[in-house]
Amino acid sequence: MQLTKITFQAIKNNEAIYTGEFTTLHPENKRKIANSINKALLYKGLTKKAGDFDDIQYEVITNS
């Protein structure tokens, strides 16, 4: 198994307000990716319910 890097951005008014990254063994599992992103945003005190961001975009970066 290989670690895969995921980079993500929390978007508000078409601007990235937070950018982060993490690694995962399961880049195909969208639920695990979503959970990891949500945990990272919560750690930074950002929540969608509070209106801190409008959208999340992420990119899977594989090492070839």
N, C-alpha and C. Protein backbone atom coordinates (compact mmCIF):
# COMPACT_ATOMS: atom_id res chain seq x y z
N MET A 1 0.83 -1.19 0.00
CA MET A 1 0.00 0.00 0.00
C MET A 1 0.87 1.24 0.00
N GLN A 2 0.34 2.26 -0.60
CA GLN A 2 1.10 3.49 -0.76
C GLN A 2 0.30 4.67 -0.19
N LEU A 3 1.00 5.55 0.50
CA LEU A 3 0.35 6.76 0.99
C LEU A 3 0.11 7.72 -0.17
N THR A 4 -1.05 8.33 -0.16
CA THR A 4 -1.42 9.30 -1.18
C THR A 4 -1.73 10.62 -0.50
N LYS A 5 -1.22 11.70 -1.08
CA LYS A 5 -1.45 13.02 -0.50
C LYS A 5 -2.75 13.61 -1.02
N ILE A 6 -3.52 14.21 -0.11
CA ILE A 6 -4.74 14.93 -0.44
C ILE A 6 -4.53 16.38 -0.03
N THR A 7 -4.74 17.30 -0.94
CA THR A 7 -4.73 18.73 -0.59
C THR A 7 -6.16 19.23 -0.70
N PHE A 8 -6.53 20.15 0.18
CA PHE A 8 -7.90 20.65 0.16
C PHE A 8 -7.94 22.13 0.51
N GLN A 9 -9.02 22.77 0.10
CA GLN A 9 -9.25 24.18 0.38
C GLN A 9 -10.69 24.37 0.83
N ALA A 10 -10.87 25.19 1.86
CA ALA A 10 -12.20 25.64 2.25
C ALA A 10 -12.43 26.97 1.52
N ILE A 11 -13.54 27.07 0.82
CA ILE A 11 -13.82 28.21 -0.05
C ILE A 11 -14.94 29.07 0.55
N LYS A 12 -14.73 30.38 0.56
CA LYS A 12 -15.77 31.34 0.97
C LYS A 12 -15.74 32.49 -0.03
N ASN A 13 -16.88 32.79 -0.64
CA ASN A 13 -16.97 33.87 -1.65
C ASN A 13 -15.92 33.71 -2.74
N ASN A 14 -15.77 32.48 -3.23
CA ASN A 14 -14.82 32.14 -4.31
C ASN A 14 -13.36 32.38 -3.95
N GLU A 15 -13.03 32.45 -2.66
CA GLU A 15 -11.64 32.59 -2.22
C GLU A 15 -11.30 31.46 -1.25
N ALA A 16 -10.08 30.97 -1.34
CA ALA A 16 -9.63 29.94 -0.40
C ALA A 16 -9.33 30.62 0.94
N ILE A 17 -10.08 30.22 1.98
CA ILE A 17 -9.82 30.80 3.30
C ILE A 17 -8.94 29.89 4.15
N TYR A 18 -8.84 28.63 3.75
CA TYR A 18 -7.96 27.70 4.45
C TYR A 18 -7.52 26.62 3.48
N THR A 19 -6.24 26.30 3.49
CA THR A 19 -5.68 25.24 2.66
C THR A 19 -4.95 24.27 3.57
N GLY A 20 -5.17 22.99 3.36
CA GLY A 20 -4.49 21.99 4.17
C GLY A 20 -4.17 20.76 3.34
N GLU A 21 -3.47 19.83 3.97
CA GLU A 21 -3.15 18.57 3.30
C GLU A 21 -2.99 17.47 4.33
N PHE A 22 -3.16 16.25 3.87
CA PHE A 22 -2.95 15.08 4.71
C PHE A 22 -2.66 13.91 3.79
N THR A 23 -2.26 12.80 4.35
CA THR A 23 -2.01 11.59 3.56
C THR A 23 -2.99 10.51 3.96
N THR A 24 -3.27 9.62 3.03
CA THR A 24 -4.21 8.53 3.29
C THR A 24 -3.75 7.27 2.55
N LEU A 25 -4.16 6.14 3.07
CA LEU A 25 -3.93 4.87 2.38
C LEU A 25 -5.10 4.52 1.46
N HIS A 26 -6.20 5.27 1.57
CA HIS A 26 -7.42 4.94 0.84
C HIS A 26 -7.94 6.14 0.05
N PRO A 27 -7.25 6.56 -1.01
CA PRO A 27 -7.69 7.74 -1.76
C PRO A 27 -9.00 7.55 -2.51
N GLU A 28 -9.44 6.30 -2.67
CA GLU A 28 -10.69 6.04 -3.38
C GLU A 28 -11.91 6.14 -2.45
N ASN A 29 -11.68 6.18 -1.14
CA ASN A 29 -12.77 6.20 -0.17
C ASN A 29 -13.17 7.64 0.15
N LYS A 30 -14.21 8.12 -0.52
CA LYS A 30 -14.62 9.53 -0.37
C LYS A 30 -15.09 9.84 1.04
N ARG A 31 -15.67 8.87 1.73
CA ARG A 31 -16.13 9.13 3.10
C ARG A 31 -14.95 9.37 4.03
N LYS A 32 -13.89 8.59 3.90
CA LYS A 32 -12.70 8.80 4.73
C LYS A 32 -12.05 10.15 4.43
N ILE A 33 -12.03 10.53 3.15
CA ILE A 33 -11.47 11.83 2.78
C ILE A 33 -12.31 12.95 3.41
N ALA A 34 -13.63 12.85 3.29
CA ALA A 34 -14.51 13.87 3.86
C ALA A 34 -14.35 13.96 5.37
N ASN A 35 -14.25 12.82 6.05
CA ASN A 35 -14.06 12.83 7.50
C ASN A 35 -12.74 13.48 7.89
N SER A 36 -11.68 13.19 7.17
CA SER A 36 -10.38 13.78 7.47
C SER A 36 -10.39 15.29 7.24
N ILE A 37 -11.02 15.73 6.17
CA ILE A 37 -11.12 17.17 5.89
C ILE A 37 -11.93 17.85 6.99
N ASN A 38 -13.08 17.27 7.36
CA ASN A 38 -13.90 17.86 8.40
C ASN A 38 -13.16 17.95 9.73
N LYS A 39 -12.41 16.92 10.08
CA LYS A 39 -11.63 16.95 11.32
C LYS A 39 -10.60 18.06 11.29
N ALA A 40 -9.92 18.23 10.15
CA ALA A 40 -8.91 19.28 10.02
C ALA A 40 -9.55 20.66 10.15
N LEU A 41 -10.71 20.86 9.52
CA LEU A 41 -11.38 22.15 9.59
C LEU A 41 -11.90 22.43 11.00
N LEU A 42 -12.45 21.40 11.65
CA LEU A 42 -12.90 21.58 13.04
C LEU A 42 -11.75 21.93 13.96
N TYR A 43 -10.59 21.32 13.74
CA TYR A 43 -9.41 21.62 14.54
C TYR A 43 -9.03 23.09 14.41
N LYS A 44 -9.26 23.66 13.22
CA LYS A 44 -8.97 25.08 12.98
C LYS A 44 -10.14 25.97 13.39
N GLY A 45 -11.22 25.37 13.88
CA GLY A 45 -12.38 26.14 14.33
C GLY A 45 -13.32 26.57 13.21
N LEU A 46 -13.24 25.93 12.05
CA LEU A 46 -14.09 26.28 10.92
C LEU A 46 -15.21 25.26 10.77
N THR A 47 -16.44 25.73 10.65
CA THR A 47 -17.56 24.82 10.42
C THR A 47 -18.48 25.40 9.35
N LYS A 48 -19.07 24.51 8.56
CA LYS A 48 -20.00 24.96 7.52
C LYS A 48 -21.30 25.46 8.16
N LYS A 49 -21.73 24.85 9.27
CA LYS A 49 -22.95 25.27 9.94
C LYS A 49 -22.87 26.73 10.39
N ALA A 50 -21.69 27.16 10.80
CA ALA A 50 -21.51 28.54 11.24
C ALA A 50 -21.33 29.49 10.06
N GLY A 51 -21.30 28.94 8.84
CA GLY A 51 -21.14 29.77 7.65
C GLY A 51 -19.71 30.21 7.41
N ASP A 52 -18.75 29.50 8.01
CA ASP A 52 -17.34 29.88 7.85
C ASP A 52 -16.85 29.65 6.42
N PHE A 53 -17.45 28.71 5.71
CA PHE A 53 -17.06 28.46 4.33
C PHE A 53 -18.27 27.98 3.53
N ASP A 54 -18.19 28.14 2.21
CA ASP A 54 -19.29 27.77 1.32
C ASP A 54 -19.10 26.40 0.69
N ASP A 55 -17.85 26.03 0.43
CA ASP A 55 -17.57 24.81 -0.32
C ASP A 55 -16.20 24.29 0.06
N ILE A 56 -15.96 23.02 -0.26
CA ILE A 56 -14.64 22.41 -0.08
C ILE A 56 -14.23 21.80 -1.41
N GLN A 57 -13.00 22.05 -1.80
CA GLN A 57 -12.44 21.43 -3.00
C GLN A 57 -11.22 20.63 -2.57
N TYR A 58 -11.04 19.46 -3.17
CA TYR A 58 -9.85 18.69 -2.85
C TYR A 58 -9.26 18.06 -4.09
N GLU A 59 -7.98 17.73 -3.98
CA GLU A 59 -7.25 17.13 -5.09
C GLU A 59 -6.45 15.95 -4.55
N VAL A 60 -6.50 14.84 -5.25
CA VAL A 60 -5.73 13.66 -4.90
C VAL A 60 -4.43 13.71 -5.68
N ILE A 61 -3.31 13.66 -4.97
CA ILE A 61 -1.99 13.70 -5.61
C ILE A 61 -1.33 12.35 -5.43
N THR A 62 -1.15 11.62 -6.51
CA THR A 62 -0.54 10.30 -6.42
C THR A 62 0.93 10.38 -6.81
N ASN A 63 1.72 9.57 -6.15
CA ASN A 63 3.14 9.48 -6.49
C ASN A 63 3.31 8.37 -7.51
N SER A 64 3.83 8.71 -8.67
CA SER A 64 4.00 7.66 -9.69
C SER A 64 5.46 7.39 -9.93
